[in-house]
Amino acid sequence: MSASEESVVGVVNPYGASPFLLVCDHASNRIPDRYGTLGLSEGERVSHAAWDPGALGLSLVLGGILDATLVHSNVSRLIIDCNRTFDAPGLISTQSELIRIPANENLDEAERQFRIANYYQPYHDAVAAAVRQRKAEGKETILVCVHSFTPVYFGKPRPWPVGIIHGSDERFSAAVRDALQAESPDLLVGWNEPYSRADGVTLTLERHGDANGLDSVMIEVRNDELATPDGILTWGRRLATALHTARAARATETENAERLARGEG
């Protein structure tokens, strides 16, 4: 692997004091040199097909507000989608909405395994290492997966400026949804929109959150909301408040459940 291909994952503020651990699966549209342009135009390579526009900017701002560690991929999902299972059709896409990815067609097993080993696994290893380190240090950890989505998909408008998605445990996600709604009653918050667990988009959430018994949430912000620095800052502040509120609500919920278990209700 060449020097230009080495940094396939980024870790920001590894010793952050926040209980929140941020991850961003689709942070980059970078295509490693060995793949050229994948047969795509410049416009296609900067489109949502290649990454989640605004998601890394939002993650960095949110991480700064929270003093949180952030782990993010540095490789386009057109090379391999780090938020898909190995058997998912979208692991290495040949078609994204109306965009055909010719270089991904008819890949042999050696190339598939190369991408898994060099671009997919290092990202998940980094997330797992961050979780292990925090556990060893006795730190509380709440996993927050940050994504963005397009305002229109296959011609269908998506009205929600933000969507909240859960894995196998919905409790923290529901607390985030409730916090956002309480802070801004007129805000249209999508619950499991524009995607849900049934769409196969919660791999990172479940592998590193649910599997470790962590509270977790997947946050999807419509990318036109993140088109400017002011928009990113607004959402960073809004989400930071909602995450803190949700954490407090979950702590109260846990305390009440423990009291009832002790017969103190």
C-alpha atoms as a PDB file:
ATOM      1  CA  MET A   1       0.000   0.000   0.000  1.00  0.00           C
ATOM      2  CA  SER A   2       1.433   3.417  -0.927  1.00  0.00           C
ATOM      3  CA  ALA A   3       1.961   6.244   1.554  1.00  0.00           C
ATOM      4  CA  SER A   4      -1.018   8.088   0.097  1.00  0.00           C
ATOM      5  CA  GLU A   5      -3.247   5.154   1.035  1.00  0.00           C
ATOM      6  CA  GLU A   6      -2.089   4.681   4.602  1.00  0.00           C
ATOM      7  CA  SER A   7      -4.462   6.970   6.495  1.00  0.00           C
ATOM      8  CA  VAL A   8      -7.670   5.057   5.958  1.00  0.00           C
ATOM      9  CA  VAL A   9      -9.087   5.987   9.360  1.00  0.00           C
ATOM     10  CA  GLY A  10      -8.894   9.128  11.482  1.00  0.00           C
ATOM     11  CA  VAL A  11      -9.072   9.445  15.257  1.00  0.00           C
ATOM     12  CA  VAL A  12      -9.672  12.933  16.643  1.00  0.00           C
ATOM     13  CA  ASN A  13      -9.277  13.881  20.322  1.00  0.00           C
ATOM     14  CA  PRO A  14      -8.538  10.304  21.466  1.00  0.00           C
ATOM     15  CA  TYR A  15      -8.488  11.303  25.139  1.00  0.00           C
ATOM     16  CA  GLY A  16     -11.672  13.352  25.120  1.00  0.00           C
ATOM     17  CA  ALA A  17     -13.409  13.572  28.489  1.00  0.00           C
ATOM     18  CA  SER A  18     -16.950  13.269  27.135  1.00  0.00           C
ATOM     19  CA  PRO A  19     -19.031  10.127  27.734  1.00  0.00           C
ATOM     20  CA  PHE A  20     -19.968  10.309  24.046  1.00  0.00           C
ATOM     21  CA  LEU A  21     -17.912   8.451  21.442  1.00  0.00           C
ATOM     22  CA  LEU A  22     -18.609   9.772  17.941  1.00  0.00           C
ATOM     23  CA  VAL A  23     -18.161   7.698  14.792  1.00  0.00           C
ATOM     24  CA  CYS A  24     -18.621   8.742  11.170  1.00  0.00           C
ATOM     25  CA  ASP A  25     -18.768   5.860   8.682  1.00  0.00           C
ATOM     26  CA  HIS A  26     -19.125   7.955   5.515  1.00  0.00           C
ATOM     27  CA  ALA A  27     -16.927  10.935   6.357  1.00  0.00           C
ATOM     28  CA  SER A  28     -14.824  10.989   3.180  1.00  0.00           C
ATOM     29  CA  ASN A  29     -15.175  10.786  -0.591  1.00  0.00           C
ATOM     30  CA  ARG A  30     -11.460   9.974  -0.998  1.00  0.00           C
ATOM     31  CA  ILE A  31     -10.707   7.303  -3.589  1.00  0.00           C
ATOM     32  CA  PRO A  32      -7.240   5.767  -3.095  1.00  0.00           C
ATOM     33  CA  ASP A  33      -4.843   6.357  -5.981  1.00  0.00           C
ATOM     34  CA  ARG A  34      -4.839   2.718  -7.077  1.00  0.00           C
ATOM     35  CA  TYR A  35      -8.474   3.072  -8.206  1.00  0.00           C
ATOM     36  CA  GLY A  36      -8.167   6.246 -10.256  1.00  0.00           C
ATOM     37  CA  THR A  37     -11.639   7.779 -10.624  1.00  0.00           C
ATOM     38  CA  LEU A  38     -13.581   4.483 -10.523  1.00  0.00           C
ATOM     39  CA  GLY A  39     -14.814   5.525 -13.958  1.00  0.00           C
ATOM     40  CA  LEU A  40     -16.844   8.386 -12.457  1.00  0.00           C
ATOM     41  CA  SER A  41     -17.097  12.090 -13.268  1.00  0.00           C
ATOM     42  CA  GLU A  42     -15.939  14.725 -10.805  1.00  0.00           C
ATOM     43  CA  GLY A  43     -19.549  15.579 -10.010  1.00  0.00           C
ATOM     44  CA  GLU A  44     -20.338  11.957  -9.226  1.00  0.00           C
ATOM     45  CA  ARG A  45     -17.282  11.671  -7.010  1.00  0.00           C
ATOM     46  CA  VAL A  46     -18.388  14.615  -4.843  1.00  0.00           C
ATOM     47  CA  SER A  47     -22.043  13.565  -4.726  1.00  0.00           C
ATOM     48  CA  HIS A  48     -23.814  11.759  -1.897  1.00  0.00           C
ATOM     49  CA  ALA A  49     -23.083   8.504  -3.713  1.00  0.00           C
ATOM     50  CA  ALA A  50     -19.457   8.794  -2.570  1.00  0.00           C
ATOM     51  CA  TRP A  51     -19.931   9.990   1.026  1.00  0.00           C
ATOM     52  CA  ASP A  52     -22.225  11.821   3.458  1.00  0.00           C
ATOM     53  CA  PRO A  53     -21.663  15.531   2.695  1.00  0.00           C
ATOM     54  CA  GLY A  54     -21.449  17.592   5.864  1.00  0.00           C
ATOM     55  CA  ALA A  55     -21.259  14.598   8.191  1.00  0.00           C
ATOM     56  CA  LEU A  56     -17.562  14.983   9.033  1.00  0.00           C
ATOM     57  CA  GLY A  57     -17.926  18.737   9.547  1.00  0.00           C
ATOM     58  CA  LEU A  58     -20.842  18.135  11.890  1.00  0.00           C
ATOM     59  CA  SER A  59     -18.930  15.391  13.709  1.00  0.00           C
ATOM     60  CA  LEU A  60     -15.932  17.673  14.243  1.00  0.00           C
ATOM     61  CA  VAL A  61     -18.059  20.551  15.543  1.00  0.00           C
ATOM     62  CA  LEU A  62     -20.102  18.250  17.767  1.00  0.00           C
ATOM     63  CA  GLY A  63     -16.940  16.611  19.054  1.00  0.00           C
ATOM     64  CA  GLY A  64     -15.478  20.018  19.877  1.00  0.00           C
ATOM     65  CA  ILE A  65     -18.566  21.097  21.797  1.00  0.00           C
ATOM     66  CA  LEU A  66     -18.721  17.827  23.729  1.00  0.00           C
ATOM     67  CA  ASP A  67     -14.955  17.233  24.100  1.00  0.00           C
ATOM     68  CA  ALA A  68     -15.629  13.837  22.528  1.00  0.00           C
ATOM     69  CA  THR A  69     -13.416  11.352  20.737  1.00  0.00           C
ATOM     70  CA  LEU A  70     -14.264  10.933  17.051  1.00  0.00           C
ATOM     71  CA  VAL A  71     -13.372   7.962  14.841  1.00  0.00           C
ATOM     72  CA  HIS A  72     -14.023   8.405  11.121  1.00  0.00           C
ATOM     73  CA  SER A  73     -13.323   6.624   7.861  1.00  0.00           C
ATOM     74  CA  ASN A  74     -11.016   8.325   5.356  1.00  0.00           C
ATOM     75  CA  VAL A  75     -12.128   6.293   2.339  1.00  0.00           C
ATOM     76  CA  SER A  76     -15.166   6.683   0.095  1.00  0.00           C
ATOM     77  CA  ARG A  77     -18.022   4.258   0.560  1.00  0.00           C
ATOM     78  CA  LEU A  78     -17.717   3.623  -3.189  1.00  0.00           C
ATOM     79  CA  ILE A  79     -14.573   1.631  -2.355  1.00  0.00           C
ATOM     80  CA  ILE A  80     -16.292  -0.197   0.491  1.00  0.00           C
ATOM     81  CA  ASP A  81     -19.142   0.754   2.809  1.00  0.00           C
ATOM     82  CA  CYS A  82     -17.990   0.404   6.407  1.00  0.00           C
ATOM     83  CA  ASN A  83     -21.604   0.401   7.604  1.00  0.00           C
ATOM     84  CA  ARG A  84     -22.634  -2.778   5.772  1.00  0.00           C
ATOM     85  CA  THR A  85     -22.288  -6.478   6.529  1.00  0.00           C
ATOM     86  CA  PHE A  86     -20.016  -8.624   4.379  1.00  0.00           C
ATOM     87  CA  ASP A  87     -22.987 -10.235   2.648  1.00  0.00           C
ATOM     88  CA  ALA A  88     -24.845  -6.974   1.965  1.00  0.00           C
ATOM     89  CA  PRO A  89     -25.291  -6.033  -1.729  1.00  0.00           C
ATOM     90  CA  GLY A  90     -24.199  -2.499  -0.851  1.00  0.00           C
ATOM     91  CA  LEU A  91     -20.871  -3.489   0.705  1.00  0.00           C
ATOM     92  CA  ILE A  92     -19.199  -2.649  -2.636  1.00  0.00           C
ATOM     93  CA  SER A  93     -21.835  -0.915  -4.723  1.00  0.00           C
ATOM     94  CA  THR A  94     -22.095  -1.190  -8.478  1.00  0.00           C
ATOM     95  CA  GLN A  95     -25.022   1.242  -8.568  1.00  0.00           C
ATOM     96  CA  SER A  96     -25.889   4.187  -6.294  1.00  0.00           C
ATOM     97  CA  GLU A  97     -29.316   5.622  -7.086  1.00  0.00           C
ATOM     98  CA  LEU A  98     -28.832   6.589 -10.771  1.00  0.00           C
ATOM     99  CA  ILE A  99     -25.032   6.427 -10.736  1.00  0.00           C
ATOM    100  CA  ARG A 100     -23.347   3.319 -12.123  1.00  0.00           C
ATOM    101  CA  ILE A 101     -19.920   2.442 -10.688  1.00  0.00           C
ATOM    102  CA  PRO A 102     -18.338   0.452 -13.521  1.00  0.00           C
ATOM    103  CA  ALA A 103     -15.022  -0.217 -11.756  1.00  0.00           C
ATOM    104  CA  ASN A 104     -16.865  -2.138  -9.021  1.00  0.00           C
ATOM    105  CA  GLU A 105     -18.476  -4.565 -11.436  1.00  0.00           C
ATOM    106  CA  ASN A 106     -17.232  -8.147 -11.640  1.00  0.00           C
ATOM    107  CA  LEU A 107     -14.685  -7.822  -8.831  1.00  0.00           C
ATOM    108  CA  ASP A 108     -12.783 -10.991  -8.059  1.00  0.00           C
ATOM    109  CA  GLU A 109     -12.555 -12.368  -4.519  1.00  0.00           C
ATOM    110  CA  ALA A 110      -8.945 -11.238  -4.102  1.00  0.00           C
ATOM    111  CA  GLU A 111      -9.896  -7.594  -4.683  1.00  0.00           C
ATOM    112  CA  ARG A 112     -12.917  -7.890  -2.402  1.00  0.00           C
ATOM    113  CA  GLN A 113     -10.754  -9.275   0.386  1.00  0.00           C
ATOM    114  CA  PHE A 114      -8.120  -6.585  -0.240  1.00  0.00           C
ATOM    115  CA  ARG A 115     -10.701  -3.864   0.323  1.00  0.00           C
ATOM    116  CA  ILE A 116     -12.046  -5.530   3.450  1.00  0.00           C
ATOM    117  CA  ALA A 117      -8.553  -5.954   4.921  1.00  0.00           C
ATOM    118  CA  ASN A 118      -7.185  -2.530   3.993  1.00  0.00           C
ATOM    119  CA  TYR A 119     -10.133  -0.131   4.176  1.00  0.00           C
ATOM    120  CA  TYR A 120     -12.986  -1.748   6.109  1.00  0.00           C
ATOM    121  CA  GLN A 121     -11.295  -3.642   8.922  1.00  0.00           C
ATOM    122  CA  PRO A 122      -8.922  -0.835  10.017  1.00  0.00           C
ATOM    123  CA  TYR A 123     -11.930   1.437  10.602  1.00  0.00           C
ATOM    124  CA  HIS A 124     -13.789  -1.085  12.724  1.00  0.00           C
ATOM    125  CA  ASP A 125     -10.589  -1.996  14.552  1.00  0.00           C
ATOM    126  CA  ALA A 126     -10.151   1.679  15.458  1.00  0.00           C
ATOM    127  CA  VAL A 127     -13.715   1.974  16.776  1.00  0.00           C
ATOM    128  CA  ALA A 128     -13.318  -1.250  18.763  1.00  0.00           C
ATOM    129  CA  ALA A 129     -10.002  -0.035  20.174  1.00  0.00           C
ATOM    130  CA  ALA A 130     -11.588   3.238  21.309  1.00  0.00           C
ATOM    131  CA  VAL A 131     -14.360   1.320  23.088  1.00  0.00           C
ATOM    132  CA  ARG A 132     -11.841  -1.031  24.744  1.00  0.00           C
ATOM    133  CA  GLN A 133      -9.633   1.839  25.866  1.00  0.00           C
ATOM    134  CA  ARG A 134     -12.547   3.666  27.439  1.00  0.00           C
ATOM    135  CA  LYS A 135     -13.712   0.512  29.192  1.00  0.00           C
ATOM    136  CA  ALA A 136     -10.192  -0.105  30.555  1.00  0.00           C
ATOM    137  CA  GLU A 137     -10.139   3.465  31.890  1.00  0.00           C
ATOM    138  CA  GLY A 138     -13.557   3.061  33.482  1.00  0.00           C
ATOM    139  CA  LYS A 139     -15.148   5.707  31.275  1.00  0.00           C
ATOM    140  CA  GLU A 140     -18.846   5.789  30.534  1.00  0.00           C
ATOM    141  CA  THR A 141     -19.388   5.368  26.792  1.00  0.00           C
ATOM    142  CA  ILE A 142     -22.404   6.286  24.668  1.00  0.00           C
ATOM    143  CA  LEU A 143     -21.956   5.587  20.957  1.00  0.00           C
ATOM    144  CA  VAL A 144     -23.173   8.253  18.505  1.00  0.00           C
ATOM    145  CA  CYS A 145     -23.099   7.443  14.763  1.00  0.00           C
ATOM    146  CA  VAL A 146     -23.278  10.585  12.604  1.00  0.00           C
ATOM    147  CA  HIS A 147     -24.607  10.537   9.026  1.00  0.00           C
ATOM    148  CA  SER A 148     -26.271  12.817   6.483  1.00  0.00           C
ATOM    149  CA  PHE A 149     -28.885  12.118   3.826  1.00  0.00           C
ATOM    150  CA  THR A 150     -30.116  13.675   0.588  1.00  0.00           C
ATOM    151  CA  PRO A 151     -33.208  15.929   0.436  1.00  0.00           C
ATOM    152  CA  VAL A 152     -34.537  13.891  -2.513  1.00  0.00           C
ATOM    153  CA  TYR A 153     -34.021  10.196  -3.273  1.00  0.00           C
ATOM    154  CA  PHE A 154     -35.208   8.633  -6.527  1.00  0.00           C
ATOM    155  CA  GLY A 155     -37.393  11.699  -7.012  1.00  0.00           C
ATOM    156  CA  LYS A 156     -39.082  11.411  -3.614  1.00  0.00           C
ATOM    157  CA  PRO A 157     -38.668  14.381  -1.226  1.00  0.00           C
ATOM    158  CA  ARG A 158     -37.529  13.674   2.311  1.00  0.00           C
ATOM    159  CA  PRO A 159     -39.177  16.227   4.606  1.00  0.00           C
ATOM    160  CA  TRP A 160     -37.330  15.486   7.853  1.00  0.00           C
ATOM    161  CA  PRO A 161     -34.348  17.745   8.591  1.00  0.00           C
ATOM    162  CA  VAL A 162     -33.141  15.081  11.032  1.00  0.00           C
ATOM    163  CA  GLY A 163     -33.755  11.377  11.534  1.00  0.00           C
ATOM    164  CA  ILE A 164     -33.072   9.272  14.616  1.00  0.00           C
ATOM    165  CA  ILE A 165     -32.396   5.556  14.157  1.00  0.00           C
ATOM    166  CA  HIS A 166     -31.888   2.799  16.705  1.00  0.00           C
ATOM    167  CA  GLY A 167     -30.301  -0.634  16.684  1.00  0.00           C
ATOM    168  CA  SER A 168     -31.536  -3.554  18.759  1.00  0.00           C
ATOM    169  CA  ASP A 169     -32.016  -1.282  21.794  1.00  0.00           C
ATOM    170  CA  GLU A 170     -34.085   1.816  21.112  1.00  0.00           C
ATOM    171  CA  ARG A 171     -34.033   3.444  24.551  1.00  0.00           C
ATOM    172  CA  PHE A 172     -31.277   6.009  24.123  1.00  0.00           C
ATOM    173  CA  SER A 173     -32.349   6.818  20.566  1.00  0.00           C
ATOM    174  CA  ALA A 174     -35.888   7.460  21.813  1.00  0.00           C
ATOM    175  CA  ALA A 175     -34.509   9.739  24.524  1.00  0.00           C
ATOM    176  CA  VAL A 176     -32.597  11.754  21.882  1.00  0.00           C
ATOM    177  CA  ARG A 177     -35.723  12.025  19.732  1.00  0.00           C
ATOM    178  CA  ASP A 178     -37.759  13.213  22.725  1.00  0.00           C
ATOM    179  CA  ALA A 179     -35.073  15.735  23.686  1.00  0.00           C
ATOM    180  CA  LEU A 180     -34.956  17.220  20.179  1.00  0.00           C
ATOM    181  CA  GLN A 181     -38.731  17.447  20.067  1.00  0.00           C
ATOM    182  CA  ALA A 182     -38.954  19.050  23.505  1.00  0.00           C
ATOM    183  CA  GLU A 183     -36.339  21.663  22.615  1.00  0.00           C
ATOM    184  CA  SER A 184     -37.938  22.478  19.235  1.00  0.00           C
ATOM    185  CA  PRO A 185     -41.626  21.400  19.165  1.00  0.00           C
ATOM    186  CA  ASP A 186     -42.028  22.422  15.521  1.00  0.00           C
ATOM    187  CA  LEU A 187     -39.007  20.404  14.356  1.00  0.00           C
ATOM    188  CA  LEU A 188     -39.989  17.465  12.159  1.00  0.00           C
ATOM    189  CA  VAL A 189     -37.960  14.621  13.639  1.00  0.00           C
ATOM    190  CA  GLY A 190     -37.961  11.385  11.648  1.00  0.00           C
ATOM    191  CA  TRP A 191     -38.142   8.254  13.786  1.00  0.00           C
ATOM    192  CA  ASN A 192     -36.270   5.541  11.867  1.00  0.00           C
ATOM    193  CA  GLU A 193     -36.321   7.852   8.838  1.00  0.00           C
ATOM    194  CA  PRO A 194     -35.113   8.035   6.136  1.00  0.00           C
ATOM    195  CA  TYR A 195     -33.667   4.611   7.011  1.00  0.00           C
ATOM    196  CA  SER A 196     -34.233   2.020   9.707  1.00  0.00           C
ATOM    197  CA  ARG A 197     -32.555  -1.063  11.081  1.00  0.00           C
ATOM    198  CA  ALA A 198     -34.586  -3.103   8.578  1.00  0.00           C
ATOM    199  CA  ASP A 199     -32.653  -1.402   5.755  1.00  0.00           C
ATOM    200  CA  GLY A 200     -29.382  -2.868   6.996  1.00  0.00           C
ATOM    201  CA  VAL A 201     -27.818   0.483   7.917  1.00  0.00           C
ATOM    202  CA  THR A 202     -27.066  -0.085  11.606  1.00  0.00           C
ATOM    203  CA  LEU A 203     -24.004  -2.332  11.448  1.00  0.00           C
ATOM    204  CA  THR A 204     -21.632   0.065  13.232  1.00  0.00           C
ATOM    205  CA  LEU A 205     -24.279   0.972  15.795  1.00  0.00           C
ATOM    206  CA  GLU A 206     -24.962  -2.647  16.662  1.00  0.00           C
ATOM    207  CA  ARG A 207     -21.425  -4.052  16.363  1.00  0.00           C
ATOM    208  CA  HIS A 208     -19.827  -1.468  18.611  1.00  0.00           C
ATOM    209  CA  GLY A 209     -22.786  -0.206  20.637  1.00  0.00           C
ATOM    210  CA  ASP A 210     -25.431  -2.860  21.223  1.00  0.00           C
ATOM    211  CA  ALA A 211     -22.934  -5.728  21.275  1.00  0.00           C
ATOM    212  CA  ASN A 212     -21.042  -3.993  24.091  1.00  0.00           C
ATOM    213  CA  GLY A 213     -24.144  -3.104  26.082  1.00  0.00           C
ATOM    214  CA  LEU A 214     -23.718   0.613  25.359  1.00  0.00           C
ATOM    215  CA  ASP A 215     -26.411   3.212  24.964  1.00  0.00           C
ATOM    216  CA  SER A 216     -26.262   4.274  21.319  1.00  0.00           C
ATOM    217  CA  VAL A 217     -27.952   6.315  18.609  1.00  0.00           C
ATOM    218  CA  MET A 218     -27.634   6.899  14.876  1.00  0.00           C
ATOM    219  CA  ILE A 219     -28.276  10.487  13.801  1.00  0.00           C
ATOM    220  CA  GLU A 220     -29.047  11.392  10.183  1.00  0.00           C
ATOM    221  CA  VAL A 221     -29.137  15.101   9.259  1.00  0.00           C
ATOM    222  CA  ARG A 222     -30.411  16.169   5.829  1.00  0.00           C
ATOM    223  CA  ASN A 223     -27.360  17.420   3.999  1.00  0.00           C
ATOM    224  CA  ASP A 224     -28.833  20.738   2.831  1.00  0.00           C
ATOM    225  CA  GLU A 225     -28.964  21.618   6.542  1.00  0.00           C
ATOM    226  CA  LEU A 226     -25.179  21.168   6.650  1.00  0.00           C
ATOM    227  CA  ALA A 227     -24.290  23.138   3.519  1.00  0.00           C
ATOM    228  CA  THR A 228     -22.833  26.113   5.438  1.00  0.00           C
ATOM    229  CA  PRO A 229     -20.631  26.557   8.530  1.00  0.00           C
ATOM    230  CA  ASP A 230     -23.552  28.272  10.288  1.00  0.00           C
ATOM    231  CA  GLY A 231     -25.799  25.318   9.536  1.00  0.00           C
ATOM    232  CA  ILE A 232     -23.233  22.869  10.874  1.00  0.00           C
ATOM    233  CA  LEU A 233     -22.735  24.942  14.023  1.00  0.00           C
ATOM    234  CA  THR A 234     -26.494  25.189  14.602  1.00  0.00           C
ATOM    235  CA  TRP A 235     -26.885  21.436  14.358  1.00  0.00           C
ATOM    236  CA  GLY A 236     -23.798  20.802  16.452  1.00  0.00           C
ATOM    237  CA  ARG A 237     -25.206  22.883  19.280  1.00  0.00           C
ATOM    238  CA  ARG A 238     -28.690  21.406  18.930  1.00  0.00           C
ATOM    239  CA  LEU A 239     -27.449  17.829  18.961  1.00  0.00           C
ATOM    240  CA  ALA A 240     -25.042  18.436  21.847  1.00  0.00           C
ATOM    241  CA  THR A 241     -27.934  19.708  23.962  1.00  0.00           C
ATOM    242  CA  ALA A 242     -30.151  16.779  22.953  1.00  0.00           C
ATOM    243  CA  LEU A 243     -27.446  14.225  23.730  1.00  0.00           C
ATOM    244  CA  HIS A 244     -26.839  15.645  27.206  1.00  0.00           C
ATOM    245  CA  THR A 245     -30.580  15.767  27.883  1.00  0.00           C
ATOM    246  CA  ALA A 246     -31.019  12.178  26.684  1.00  0.00           C
ATOM    247  CA  ARG A 247     -28.150  10.993  28.870  1.00  0.00           C
ATOM    248  CA  ALA A 248     -29.718  12.600  31.932  1.00  0.00           C
ATOM    249  CA  ALA A 249     -33.098  11.075  31.085  1.00  0.00           C
ATOM    250  CA  ARG A 250     -31.585   7.618  30.715  1.00  0.00           C
ATOM    251  CA  ALA A 251     -29.746   7.986  34.027  1.00  0.00           C
ATOM    252  CA  THR A 252     -33.022   8.846  35.763  1.00  0.00           C
ATOM    253  CA  GLU A 253     -34.753   5.926  34.051  1.00  0.00           C
ATOM    254  CA  THR A 254     -32.026   3.528  35.199  1.00  0.00           C
ATOM    255  CA  GLU A 255     -32.088   4.882  38.751  1.00  0.00           C
ATOM    256  CA  ASN A 256     -35.859   4.476  38.974  1.00  0.00           C
ATOM    257  CA  ALA A 257     -35.664   0.919  37.656  1.00  0.00           C
ATOM    258  CA  GLU A 258     -33.006   0.048  40.235  1.00  0.00           C
ATOM    259  CA  ARG A 259     -35.124   1.526  43.021  1.00  0.00           C
ATOM    260  CA  LEU A 260     -38.109  -0.529  41.935  1.00  0.00           C
ATOM    261  CA  ALA A 261     -35.940  -3.652  41.833  1.00  0.00           C
ATOM    262  CA  ARG A 262     -34.926  -2.960  45.432  1.00  0.00           C
ATOM    263  CA  GLY A 263     -38.581  -2.547  46.388  1.00  0.00           C
ATOM    264  CA  GLU A 264     -38.228   1.159  47.060  1.00  0.00           C
ATOM    265  CA  GLY A 265     -40.864   2.291  44.572  1.00  0.00           C
END
